[in-house]
Amino acid sequence: MPLNDARATMPDGDLKPIPDCELIIPGVPHTLNGTQVGQIVFNNLPEYSDQKGAAYNDETVPGRSFPIKTFSQGENRTITLSISLYVLKRGDEDTNLKILRAIQSAVYPREASGALPYYPPPICKLKCGKMLSKNHLCVVMKDYALKVPTDVPWNQNTLVPLKMDISMNFDVVFSSKNLPGQELIVSDF
């Protein structure tokens, strides 16, 4: 999107999808009754945080006033993402409920075939411009939380509010053949 077209809405007042800012949940039909749900393209900027740590062991040495630090392992890279869903026009209630169900499904095991009782929940893909990575990140959803404010109007028949907030926590996952090192992270833009 060019910088000179930074409007968040379309001429009809609908929110404009943000290119390159999406959550893809495998196993969910990409469209359900004409609504795109398996690939959730955000239409308002999500709030997110990105956290990763490294674990070190303390090695004590007799006579030394401080232990020597030795690298043990990297810790999980955790991304917290919060999105808001709004009802702005007819049909948005159903769209928001379908998006909510798609997000909820990402923490449940999938149906298996044969001797297996189930498959683990899906590995999703997450992208928000180049802030998290230049490519989609493979992530597993650890949890989600739905917050329904009471200070916005609700549909009296369905009890669906005109705004709902969903926060999600993800751990980034990599193939064992593709584990990132410092060199990959520094050049990922």
N, C-alpha and C. Protein backbone atom coordinates (compact mmCIF):
# COMPACT_ATOMS: atom_id res chain seq x y z
N MET A 1 0.85 -1.17 0.00
CA MET A 1 0.00 0.00 0.00
C MET A 1 0.89 1.23 0.00
N PRO A 2 0.70 2.14 -0.95
CA PRO A 2 1.52 3.35 -0.98
C PRO A 2 1.26 4.22 0.25
N LEU A 3 2.29 4.94 0.66
CA LEU A 3 2.16 5.79 1.83
C LEU A 3 1.11 6.88 1.64
N ASN A 4 0.86 7.30 0.40
CA ASN A 4 -0.11 8.36 0.17
C ASN A 4 -1.54 7.85 0.26
N ASP A 5 -1.75 6.53 0.42
CA ASP A 5 -3.09 5.97 0.57
C ASP A 5 -3.17 5.24 1.90
N ALA A 6 -3.01 5.97 2.97
CA ALA A 6 -2.97 5.37 4.31
C ALA A 6 -4.34 5.36 4.97
N ARG A 7 -5.41 5.46 4.19
CA ARG A 7 -6.75 5.42 4.76
C ARG A 7 -7.05 4.02 5.26
N ALA A 8 -7.74 3.95 6.39
CA ALA A 8 -8.08 2.66 6.98
C ALA A 8 -9.44 2.15 6.52
N THR A 9 -10.19 3.01 5.83
CA THR A 9 -11.52 2.60 5.38
C THR A 9 -11.66 2.76 3.88
N MET A 10 -12.62 2.02 3.35
CA MET A 10 -12.97 2.14 1.93
C MET A 10 -14.04 3.23 1.79
N PRO A 11 -14.34 3.64 0.56
CA PRO A 11 -15.34 4.70 0.38
C PRO A 11 -16.70 4.40 1.03
N ASP A 12 -17.08 3.10 1.12
CA ASP A 12 -18.36 2.75 1.73
C ASP A 12 -18.30 2.68 3.25
N GLY A 13 -17.12 2.98 3.85
CA GLY A 13 -16.97 2.97 5.29
C GLY A 13 -16.48 1.65 5.86
N ASP A 14 -16.40 0.63 5.02
CA ASP A 14 -15.91 -0.67 5.49
C ASP A 14 -14.41 -0.59 5.76
N LEU A 15 -13.93 -1.39 6.71
CA LEU A 15 -12.50 -1.39 7.01
C LEU A 15 -11.73 -2.05 5.87
N LYS A 16 -10.59 -1.47 5.55
CA LYS A 16 -9.77 -1.95 4.44
C LYS A 16 -8.84 -3.07 4.93
N PRO A 17 -8.80 -4.21 4.22
CA PRO A 17 -7.86 -5.27 4.61
C PRO A 17 -6.42 -4.76 4.55
N ILE A 18 -5.61 -5.20 5.50
CA ILE A 18 -4.21 -4.81 5.53
C ILE A 18 -3.42 -5.87 4.77
N PRO A 19 -2.82 -5.49 3.64
CA PRO A 19 -2.07 -6.49 2.90
C PRO A 19 -0.89 -7.02 3.71
N ASP A 20 -0.64 -8.30 3.57
CA ASP A 20 0.53 -8.91 4.21
C ASP A 20 0.42 -8.99 5.73
N CYS A 21 -0.79 -8.98 6.26
CA CYS A 21 -1.00 -9.08 7.70
C CYS A 21 -2.15 -10.07 7.92
N GLU A 22 -1.76 -11.34 8.22
CA GLU A 22 -2.78 -12.39 8.23
C GLU A 22 -2.40 -13.56 9.13
N LEU A 23 -3.42 -14.34 9.46
CA LEU A 23 -3.28 -15.61 10.17
C LEU A 23 -3.93 -16.67 9.30
N ILE A 24 -3.18 -17.73 8.99
CA ILE A 24 -3.71 -18.83 8.18
C ILE A 24 -3.84 -20.05 9.09
N ILE A 25 -5.04 -20.60 9.15
CA ILE A 25 -5.31 -21.77 9.99
C ILE A 25 -5.64 -22.94 9.07
N PRO A 26 -4.71 -23.90 8.90
CA PRO A 26 -4.97 -25.05 8.03
C PRO A 26 -6.13 -25.90 8.56
N GLY A 27 -6.82 -26.54 7.64
CA GLY A 27 -7.93 -27.41 8.02
C GLY A 27 -9.25 -26.69 8.11
N VAL A 28 -9.23 -25.37 8.05
CA VAL A 28 -10.46 -24.58 8.03
C VAL A 28 -10.68 -24.16 6.59
N PRO A 29 -11.87 -24.40 6.07
CA PRO A 29 -12.10 -23.97 4.68
C PRO A 29 -11.78 -22.49 4.53
N HIS A 30 -11.09 -22.16 3.46
CA HIS A 30 -10.73 -20.75 3.28
C HIS A 30 -11.96 -19.88 3.09
N THR A 31 -13.00 -20.42 2.53
CA THR A 31 -14.26 -19.68 2.47
C THR A 31 -15.36 -20.59 2.98
N LEU A 32 -16.25 -20.02 3.74
CA LEU A 32 -17.38 -20.74 4.30
C LEU A 32 -18.61 -19.88 4.02
N ASN A 33 -19.45 -20.35 3.12
CA ASN A 33 -20.62 -19.57 2.69
C ASN A 33 -20.21 -18.18 2.19
N GLY A 34 -19.12 -18.13 1.44
CA GLY A 34 -18.67 -16.87 0.86
C GLY A 34 -17.81 -16.01 1.78
N THR A 35 -17.60 -16.45 3.02
CA THR A 35 -16.80 -15.69 3.98
C THR A 35 -15.42 -16.32 4.10
N GLN A 36 -14.39 -15.52 4.00
CA GLN A 36 -13.02 -16.02 4.11
C GLN A 36 -12.69 -16.20 5.58
N VAL A 37 -12.47 -17.46 6.03
CA VAL A 37 -12.22 -17.70 7.45
C VAL A 37 -10.92 -18.44 7.73
N GLY A 38 -10.48 -19.34 6.87
CA GLY A 38 -9.25 -20.08 7.12
C GLY A 38 -8.02 -19.21 6.94
N GLN A 39 -8.15 -18.16 6.16
CA GLN A 39 -7.09 -17.17 5.97
C GLN A 39 -7.67 -15.85 6.45
N ILE A 40 -7.30 -15.47 7.67
CA ILE A 40 -7.86 -14.27 8.28
C ILE A 40 -6.93 -13.11 7.96
N VAL A 41 -7.38 -12.25 7.05
CA VAL A 41 -6.62 -11.05 6.70
C VAL A 41 -7.15 -9.93 7.59
N PHE A 42 -6.27 -9.37 8.41
CA PHE A 42 -6.71 -8.37 9.38
C PHE A 42 -7.11 -7.08 8.67
N ASN A 43 -8.19 -6.45 9.15
CA ASN A 43 -8.64 -5.19 8.56
C ASN A 43 -8.46 -4.03 9.53
N ASN A 44 -7.79 -4.29 10.64
CA ASN A 44 -7.34 -3.22 11.54
C ASN A 44 -6.07 -3.73 12.19
N LEU A 45 -5.18 -2.82 12.48
CA LEU A 45 -3.85 -3.21 12.94
C LEU A 45 -3.92 -3.96 14.26
N PRO A 46 -3.41 -5.19 14.29
CA PRO A 46 -3.43 -5.94 15.54
C PRO A 46 -2.35 -5.45 16.50
N GLU A 47 -2.59 -5.64 17.78
CA GLU A 47 -1.54 -5.39 18.77
C GLU A 47 -0.78 -6.70 18.91
N TYR A 48 0.53 -6.62 18.98
CA TYR A 48 1.29 -7.85 19.16
C TYR A 48 2.57 -7.58 19.92
N SER A 49 3.08 -8.65 20.53
CA SER A 49 4.38 -8.60 21.17
C SER A 49 5.13 -9.85 20.75
N ASP A 50 6.45 -9.77 20.79
CA ASP A 50 7.32 -10.86 20.34
C ASP A 50 8.39 -11.03 21.40
N GLN A 51 8.49 -12.23 21.96
CA GLN A 51 9.42 -12.45 23.06
C GLN A 51 10.19 -13.75 22.86
N LYS A 52 11.50 -13.72 23.14
CA LYS A 52 12.35 -14.91 23.05
C LYS A 52 13.45 -14.75 24.08
N GLY A 53 13.87 -15.85 24.64
CA GLY A 53 14.94 -15.80 25.63
C GLY A 53 15.97 -16.88 25.38
N ALA A 54 17.04 -16.80 26.12
CA ALA A 54 18.10 -17.81 26.10
C ALA A 54 18.33 -18.25 27.54
N ALA A 55 18.53 -19.54 27.72
CA ALA A 55 18.77 -20.08 29.07
C ALA A 55 20.26 -20.35 29.27
N TYR A 56 20.77 -19.96 30.42
CA TYR A 56 22.18 -20.15 30.77
C TYR A 56 22.28 -20.91 32.08
N ASN A 57 23.30 -21.72 32.20
CA ASN A 57 23.60 -22.41 33.46
C ASN A 57 24.72 -21.66 34.17
N ASP A 58 24.68 -21.70 35.50
CA ASP A 58 25.76 -21.14 36.30
C ASP A 58 26.75 -22.25 36.62
N GLU A 59 28.00 -22.04 36.27
CA GLU A 59 29.07 -22.98 36.60
C GLU A 59 29.92 -22.33 37.69
N THR A 60 29.90 -22.93 38.85
CA THR A 60 30.66 -22.34 39.95
C THR A 60 32.12 -22.79 39.89
N VAL A 61 32.99 -21.90 40.27
CA VAL A 61 34.43 -22.17 40.30
C VAL A 61 34.91 -21.78 41.70
N PRO A 62 35.61 -22.68 42.37
CA PRO A 62 36.10 -22.33 43.72
C PRO A 62 36.96 -21.06 43.68
N GLY A 63 36.67 -20.17 44.61
CA GLY A 63 37.47 -18.95 44.74
C GLY A 63 37.01 -17.82 43.82
N ARG A 64 36.09 -18.07 42.90
CA ARG A 64 35.61 -17.03 41.98
C ARG A 64 34.38 -16.38 42.61
N SER A 65 34.28 -15.06 42.55
CA SER A 65 33.17 -14.36 43.20
C SER A 65 31.86 -14.45 42.41
N PHE A 66 31.93 -14.74 41.12
CA PHE A 66 30.72 -14.90 40.30
C PHE A 66 30.84 -16.18 39.49
N PRO A 67 29.71 -16.88 39.26
CA PRO A 67 29.79 -18.10 38.45
C PRO A 67 30.03 -17.78 36.98
N ILE A 68 30.51 -18.75 36.25
CA ILE A 68 30.68 -18.63 34.80
C ILE A 68 29.36 -19.01 34.16
N LYS A 69 28.92 -18.25 33.20
CA LYS A 69 27.67 -18.53 32.49
C LYS A 69 27.97 -19.40 31.26
N THR A 70 27.23 -20.51 31.14
CA THR A 70 27.35 -21.34 29.94
C THR A 70 25.97 -21.44 29.30
N PHE A 71 25.93 -21.29 27.99
CA PHE A 71 24.67 -21.35 27.26
C PHE A 71 24.09 -22.75 27.36
N SER A 72 22.83 -22.83 27.71
CA SER A 72 22.15 -24.12 27.82
C SER A 72 21.29 -24.39 26.58
N GLN A 73 20.31 -23.54 26.33
CA GLN A 73 19.44 -23.70 25.16
C GLN A 73 18.65 -22.42 24.93
N GLY A 74 18.13 -22.31 23.73
CA GLY A 74 17.22 -21.21 23.44
C GLY A 74 15.85 -21.54 23.99
N GLU A 75 15.12 -20.52 24.39
CA GLU A 75 13.76 -20.71 24.87
C GLU A 75 12.77 -20.43 23.75
N ASN A 76 11.52 -20.71 23.98
CA ASN A 76 10.51 -20.51 22.96
C ASN A 76 10.42 -19.05 22.54
N ARG A 77 10.19 -18.83 21.27
CA ARG A 77 9.83 -17.51 20.78
C ARG A 77 8.32 -17.45 20.84
N THR A 78 7.80 -16.56 21.67
CA THR A 78 6.36 -16.46 21.89
C THR A 78 5.85 -15.14 21.32
N ILE A 79 4.80 -15.25 20.54
CA ILE A 79 4.15 -14.07 19.96
C ILE A 79 2.75 -13.98 20.53
N THR A 80 2.42 -12.82 21.08
CA THR A 80 1.07 -12.55 21.56
C THR A 80 0.43 -11.59 20.58
N LEU A 81 -0.75 -11.95 20.10
CA LEU A 81 -1.44 -11.17 19.08
C LEU A 81 -2.85 -10.88 19.57
N SER A 82 -3.28 -9.63 19.50
CA SER A 82 -4.64 -9.25 19.88
C SER A 82 -5.31 -8.58 18.70
N ILE A 83 -6.49 -9.08 18.35
CA ILE A 83 -7.24 -8.49 17.24
C ILE A 83 -8.61 -8.05 17.73
N SER A 84 -9.19 -7.11 17.02
CA SER A 84 -10.55 -6.66 17.30
C SER A 84 -11.40 -6.94 16.08
N LEU A 85 -12.59 -7.47 16.31
CA LEU A 85 -13.55 -7.71 15.24
C LEU A 85 -14.73 -6.78 15.45
N TYR A 86 -15.15 -6.10 14.37
CA TYR A 86 -16.22 -5.10 14.45
C TYR A 86 -17.38 -5.50 13.55
N VAL A 87 -18.57 -5.11 13.95
CA VAL A 87 -19.75 -5.23 13.11
C VAL A 87 -20.02 -3.84 12.55
N LEU A 88 -19.78 -3.68 11.24
CA LEU A 88 -19.97 -2.37 10.59
C LEU A 88 -21.09 -2.40 9.56
N LYS A 89 -21.42 -3.60 9.06
CA LYS A 89 -22.45 -3.72 8.04
C LYS A 89 -23.14 -5.06 8.19
N ARG A 90 -24.23 -5.22 7.47
CA ARG A 90 -24.99 -6.46 7.51
C ARG A 90 -24.07 -7.62 7.08
N GLY A 91 -24.11 -8.70 7.80
CA GLY A 91 -23.29 -9.87 7.49
C GLY A 91 -22.01 -9.95 8.32
N ASP A 92 -21.58 -8.84 8.93
CA ASP A 92 -20.35 -8.86 9.73
C ASP A 92 -20.48 -9.73 10.98
N GLU A 93 -21.69 -9.82 11.54
CA GLU A 93 -21.88 -10.69 12.71
C GLU A 93 -21.50 -12.13 12.38
N ASP A 94 -22.05 -12.64 11.27
CA ASP A 94 -21.75 -14.02 10.86
C ASP A 94 -20.27 -14.18 10.54
N THR A 95 -19.70 -13.20 9.85
CA THR A 95 -18.27 -13.27 9.52
C THR A 95 -17.43 -13.33 10.79
N ASN A 96 -17.74 -12.48 11.76
CA ASN A 96 -16.98 -12.47 13.01
C ASN A 96 -17.11 -13.78 13.77
N LEU A 97 -18.30 -14.36 13.79
CA LEU A 97 -18.49 -15.65 14.46
C LEU A 97 -17.70 -16.75 13.76
N LYS A 98 -17.66 -16.71 12.43
CA LYS A 98 -16.89 -17.72 11.68
C LYS A 98 -15.39 -17.56 11.94
N ILE A 99 -14.92 -16.33 12.01
CA ILE A 99 -13.51 -16.09 12.33
C ILE A 99 -13.21 -16.56 13.76
N LEU A 100 -14.10 -16.26 14.69
CA LEU A 100 -13.93 -16.71 16.08
C LEU A 100 -13.85 -18.24 16.13
N ARG A 101 -14.75 -18.94 15.44
CA ARG A 101 -14.74 -20.41 15.44
C ARG A 101 -13.46 -20.96 14.81
N ALA A 102 -12.98 -20.31 13.76
CA ALA A 102 -11.72 -20.75 13.13
C ALA A 102 -10.58 -20.63 14.13
N ILE A 103 -10.51 -19.50 14.85
CA ILE A 103 -9.46 -19.30 15.85
C ILE A 103 -9.59 -20.32 16.97
N GLN A 104 -10.80 -20.53 17.46
CA GLN A 104 -11.01 -21.52 18.52
C GLN A 104 -10.57 -22.92 18.08
N SER A 105 -10.79 -23.24 16.82
CA SER A 105 -10.45 -24.59 16.32
C SER A 105 -8.95 -24.86 16.33
N ALA A 106 -8.13 -23.80 16.35
CA ALA A 106 -6.68 -23.97 16.25
C ALA A 106 -6.05 -24.54 17.52
N VAL A 107 -6.80 -24.67 18.61
CA VAL A 107 -6.25 -25.27 19.83
C VAL A 107 -6.83 -26.65 20.10
N TYR A 108 -7.65 -27.15 19.18
CA TYR A 108 -8.24 -28.48 19.35
C TYR A 108 -7.55 -29.49 18.44
N PRO A 109 -7.45 -30.76 18.88
CA PRO A 109 -6.87 -31.78 18.01
C PRO A 109 -7.77 -32.00 16.79
N ARG A 110 -7.15 -32.47 15.72
CA ARG A 110 -7.87 -32.74 14.49
C ARG A 110 -8.26 -34.21 14.43
N GLU A 111 -9.31 -34.49 13.71
CA GLU A 111 -9.78 -35.86 13.55
C GLU A 111 -8.75 -36.65 12.74
N ALA A 112 -8.47 -37.85 13.19
CA ALA A 112 -7.49 -38.70 12.50
C ALA A 112 -8.22 -39.83 11.78
N SER A 113 -7.46 -40.53 11.00
CA SER A 113 -8.01 -41.69 10.32
C SER A 113 -7.18 -42.91 10.70
N GLY A 114 -7.78 -44.08 10.54
CA GLY A 114 -7.05 -45.30 10.84
C GLY A 114 -6.95 -45.55 12.33
N ALA A 115 -5.77 -46.01 12.76
CA ALA A 115 -5.58 -46.41 14.16
C ALA A 115 -5.32 -45.23 15.09
N LEU A 116 -5.01 -44.07 14.54
CA LEU A 116 -4.73 -42.91 15.38
C LEU A 116 -6.02 -42.29 15.91
N PRO A 117 -6.07 -41.95 17.20
CA PRO A 117 -7.29 -41.34 17.73
C PRO A 117 -7.46 -39.88 17.28
N TYR A 118 -6.35 -39.19 17.08
CA TYR A 118 -6.42 -37.78 16.67
C TYR A 118 -5.06 -37.34 16.13
N TYR A 119 -5.07 -36.21 15.43
CA TYR A 119 -3.86 -35.51 15.04
C TYR A 119 -3.74 -34.28 15.93
N PRO A 120 -2.54 -33.80 16.19
CA PRO A 120 -2.44 -32.59 17.03
C PRO A 120 -3.07 -31.39 16.33
N PRO A 121 -3.32 -30.33 17.08
CA PRO A 121 -3.85 -29.11 16.46
C PRO A 121 -2.95 -28.66 15.31
N PRO A 122 -3.49 -27.87 14.39
CA PRO A 122 -2.72 -27.49 13.20
C PRO A 122 -1.58 -26.53 13.50
N ILE A 123 -0.59 -26.54 12.60
CA ILE A 123 0.46 -25.53 12.62
C ILE A 123 -0.03 -24.40 11.73
N CYS A 124 -0.19 -23.24 12.32
CA CYS A 124 -0.72 -22.08 11.60
C CYS A 124 0.42 -21.27 11.00
N LYS A 125 0.07 -20.30 10.19
CA LYS A 125 1.06 -19.37 9.63
C LYS A 125 0.63 -17.95 9.99
N LEU A 126 1.60 -17.14 10.39
CA LEU A 126 1.33 -15.78 10.84
C LEU A 126 2.29 -14.82 10.15
N LYS A 127 1.74 -13.70 9.72
CA LYS A 127 2.58 -12.67 9.09
C LYS A 127 1.95 -11.32 9.38
N CYS A 128 2.79 -10.34 9.67
CA CYS A 128 2.33 -8.96 9.85
C CYS A 128 3.41 -8.05 9.26
N GLY A 129 3.34 -7.87 7.96
CA GLY A 129 4.38 -7.09 7.27
C GLY A 129 5.72 -7.77 7.44
N LYS A 130 6.74 -6.97 7.71
CA LYS A 130 8.08 -7.50 7.93
C LYS A 130 8.49 -7.44 9.40
N MET A 131 7.55 -7.10 10.29
CA MET A 131 7.91 -6.92 11.69
C MET A 131 8.29 -8.24 12.38
N LEU A 132 7.58 -9.31 12.11
CA LEU A 132 7.88 -10.59 12.75
C LEU A 132 8.89 -11.39 11.93
N SER A 133 8.78 -11.30 10.62
CA SER A 133 9.67 -11.99 9.69
C SER A 133 9.29 -11.55 8.28
N LYS A 134 10.22 -11.70 7.34
CA LYS A 134 9.86 -11.34 5.97
C LYS A 134 8.95 -12.38 5.35
N ASN A 135 8.96 -13.60 5.89
CA ASN A 135 8.10 -14.69 5.42
C ASN A 135 7.08 -15.02 6.50
N HIS A 136 6.10 -15.84 6.13
CA HIS A 136 5.16 -16.33 7.13
C HIS A 136 5.92 -17.13 8.18
N LEU A 137 5.55 -16.97 9.44
CA LEU A 137 6.11 -17.79 10.51
C LEU A 137 5.18 -18.97 10.77
N CYS A 138 5.75 -20.14 10.96
CA CYS A 138 4.97 -21.30 11.37
C CYS A 138 4.80 -21.21 12.88
N VAL A 139 3.56 -21.27 13.34
CA VAL A 139 3.28 -21.09 14.76
C VAL A 139 2.24 -22.11 15.23
N VAL A 140 2.32 -22.46 16.51
CA VAL A 140 1.26 -23.25 17.14
C VAL A 140 0.56 -22.34 18.15
N MET A 141 -0.75 -22.38 18.11
CA MET A 141 -1.51 -21.55 19.04
C MET A 141 -1.56 -22.25 20.39
N LYS A 142 -1.05 -21.58 21.42
CA LYS A 142 -1.06 -22.16 22.77
C LYS A 142 -2.38 -21.89 23.46
N ASP A 143 -2.95 -20.72 23.24
CA ASP A 143 -4.24 -20.39 23.84
C ASP A 143 -4.81 -19.16 23.17
N TYR A 144 -6.08 -18.95 23.41
CA TYR A 144 -6.75 -17.72 22.96
C TYR A 144 -7.65 -17.26 24.09
N ALA A 145 -7.99 -15.99 24.09
CA ALA A 145 -8.93 -15.45 25.08
C ALA A 145 -9.85 -14.48 24.36
N LEU A 146 -11.13 -14.67 24.55
CA LEU A 146 -12.14 -13.80 23.96
C LEU A 146 -12.58 -12.80 25.02
N LYS A 147 -12.56 -11.52 24.67
CA LYS A 147 -13.03 -10.48 25.58
C LYS A 147 -14.19 -9.78 24.89
N VAL A 148 -15.32 -9.82 25.55
CA VAL A 148 -16.52 -9.21 25.00
C VAL A 148 -16.88 -8.02 25.88
N PRO A 149 -16.67 -6.80 25.39
CA PRO A 149 -16.95 -5.63 26.23
C PRO A 149 -18.44 -5.43 26.44
N THR A 150 -18.79 -4.89 27.58
CA THR A 150 -20.21 -4.62 27.87
C THR A 150 -20.59 -3.17 27.58
N ASP A 151 -19.62 -2.38 27.12
CA ASP A 151 -19.90 -0.97 26.84
C ASP A 151 -20.18 -0.70 25.37
N VAL A 152 -20.42 -1.75 24.59
CA VAL A 152 -20.80 -1.58 23.18
C VAL A 152 -22.14 -2.27 22.97
N PRO A 153 -22.91 -1.83 21.98
CA PRO A 153 -24.22 -2.46 21.74
C PRO A 153 -24.07 -3.93 21.32
N TRP A 154 -25.10 -4.69 21.61
CA TRP A 154 -25.18 -6.11 21.25
C TRP A 154 -26.41 -6.32 20.38
N ASN A 155 -26.38 -7.36 19.56
CA ASN A 155 -27.58 -7.79 18.85
C ASN A 155 -28.44 -8.52 19.88
N GLN A 156 -29.66 -8.07 20.08
CA GLN A 156 -30.50 -8.64 21.14
C GLN A 156 -30.93 -10.07 20.84
N ASN A 157 -30.93 -10.46 19.58
CA ASN A 157 -31.35 -11.83 19.22
C ASN A 157 -30.21 -12.83 19.35
N THR A 158 -29.02 -12.45 18.90
CA THR A 158 -27.88 -13.39 18.88
C THR A 158 -26.90 -13.17 20.02
N LEU A 159 -27.01 -12.04 20.71
CA LEU A 159 -26.09 -11.63 21.77
C LEU A 159 -24.67 -11.43 21.25
N VAL A 160 -24.52 -11.19 19.96
CA VAL A 160 -23.21 -10.89 19.37
C VAL A 160 -22.98 -9.39 19.50
N PRO A 161 -21.86 -8.99 20.13
CA PRO A 161 -21.58 -7.56 20.29
C PRO A 161 -21.08 -6.95 18.99
N LEU A 162 -21.15 -5.63 18.90
CA LEU A 162 -20.65 -4.94 17.72
C LEU A 162 -19.13 -4.87 17.70
N LYS A 163 -18.49 -5.28 18.80
CA LYS A 163 -17.03 -5.35 18.87
C LYS A 163 -16.66 -6.49 19.80
N MET A 164 -15.66 -7.28 19.40
CA MET A 164 -15.10 -8.29 20.29
C MET A 164 -13.59 -8.31 20.09
N ASP A 165 -12.87 -8.59 21.17
CA ASP A 165 -11.41 -8.65 21.13
C ASP A 165 -10.97 -10.08 21.39
N ILE A 166 -10.01 -10.54 20.60
CA ILE A 166 -9.47 -11.88 20.76
C ILE A 166 -7.96 -11.76 20.88
N SER A 167 -7.41 -12.30 21.97
CA SER A 167 -5.96 -12.33 22.11
C SER A 167 -5.51 -13.78 22.00
N MET A 168 -4.36 -13.98 21.36
CA MET A 168 -3.84 -15.32 21.10
C MET A 168 -2.36 -15.36 21.44
N ASN A 169 -1.91 -16.49 21.97
CA ASN A 169 -0.49 -16.72 22.23
C ASN A 169 -0.01 -17.85 21.35
N PHE A 170 1.10 -17.59 20.66
CA PHE A 170 1.67 -18.57 19.74
C PHE A 170 3.12 -18.84 20.12
N ASP A 171 3.57 -20.06 19.88
CA ASP A 171 5.00 -20.38 19.89
C ASP A 171 5.41 -20.61 18.45
N VAL A 172 6.55 -20.04 18.07
CA VAL A 172 7.08 -20.22 16.72
C VAL A 172 7.73 -21.60 16.66
N VAL A 173 7.49 -22.33 15.58
CA VAL A 173 8.06 -23.66 15.40
C VAL A 173 8.83 -23.72 14.09
N PHE A 174 9.87 -24.56 14.07
CA PHE A 174 10.71 -24.72 12.90
C PHE A 174 10.91 -26.20 12.64
N SER A 175 11.13 -26.53 11.40
CA SER A 175 11.55 -27.87 11.04
C SER A 175 12.94 -28.10 11.62
N SER A 176 13.24 -29.33 12.03
CA SER A 176 14.56 -29.60 12.61
C SER A 176 15.67 -29.36 11.59
N LYS A 177 15.34 -29.38 10.30
CA LYS A 177 16.33 -29.10 9.25
C LYS A 177 16.53 -27.61 9.05
N ASN A 178 15.65 -26.82 9.64
CA ASN A 178 15.61 -25.38 9.35
C ASN A 178 15.73 -24.52 10.60
N LEU A 179 16.39 -25.01 11.64
CA LEU A 179 16.47 -24.23 12.87
C LEU A 179 17.26 -22.94 12.64
N PRO A 180 16.74 -21.81 13.09
CA PRO A 180 17.42 -20.54 12.82
C PRO A 180 18.58 -20.30 13.78
N GLY A 181 19.60 -19.70 13.26
CA GLY A 181 20.71 -19.21 14.08
C GLY A 181 20.73 -17.70 13.99
N GLN A 182 21.68 -17.09 14.64
CA GLN A 182 21.77 -15.64 14.65
C GLN A 182 21.88 -15.07 13.24
N GLU A 183 22.61 -15.75 12.38
CA GLU A 183 22.81 -15.24 11.00
C GLU A 183 21.49 -15.12 10.25
N LEU A 184 20.61 -16.12 10.40
CA LEU A 184 19.32 -16.08 9.71
C LEU A 184 18.44 -14.96 10.26
N ILE A 185 18.44 -14.78 11.56
CA ILE A 185 17.58 -13.75 12.18
C ILE A 185 18.06 -12.36 11.76
N VAL A 186 19.35 -12.13 11.75
CA VAL A 186 19.88 -10.80 11.40
C VAL A 186 19.55 -10.44 9.95
N SER A 187 19.51 -11.42 9.07
CA SER A 187 19.28 -11.14 7.64
C SER A 187 17.82 -11.25 7.23
N ASP A 188 16.90 -11.45 8.17
CA ASP A 188 15.49 -11.69 7.86
C ASP A 188 14.71 -10.38 7.76
N PHE A 189 14.91 -9.63 6.69
CA PHE A 189 14.13 -8.43 6.46
C PHE A 189 13.97 -8.16 4.99
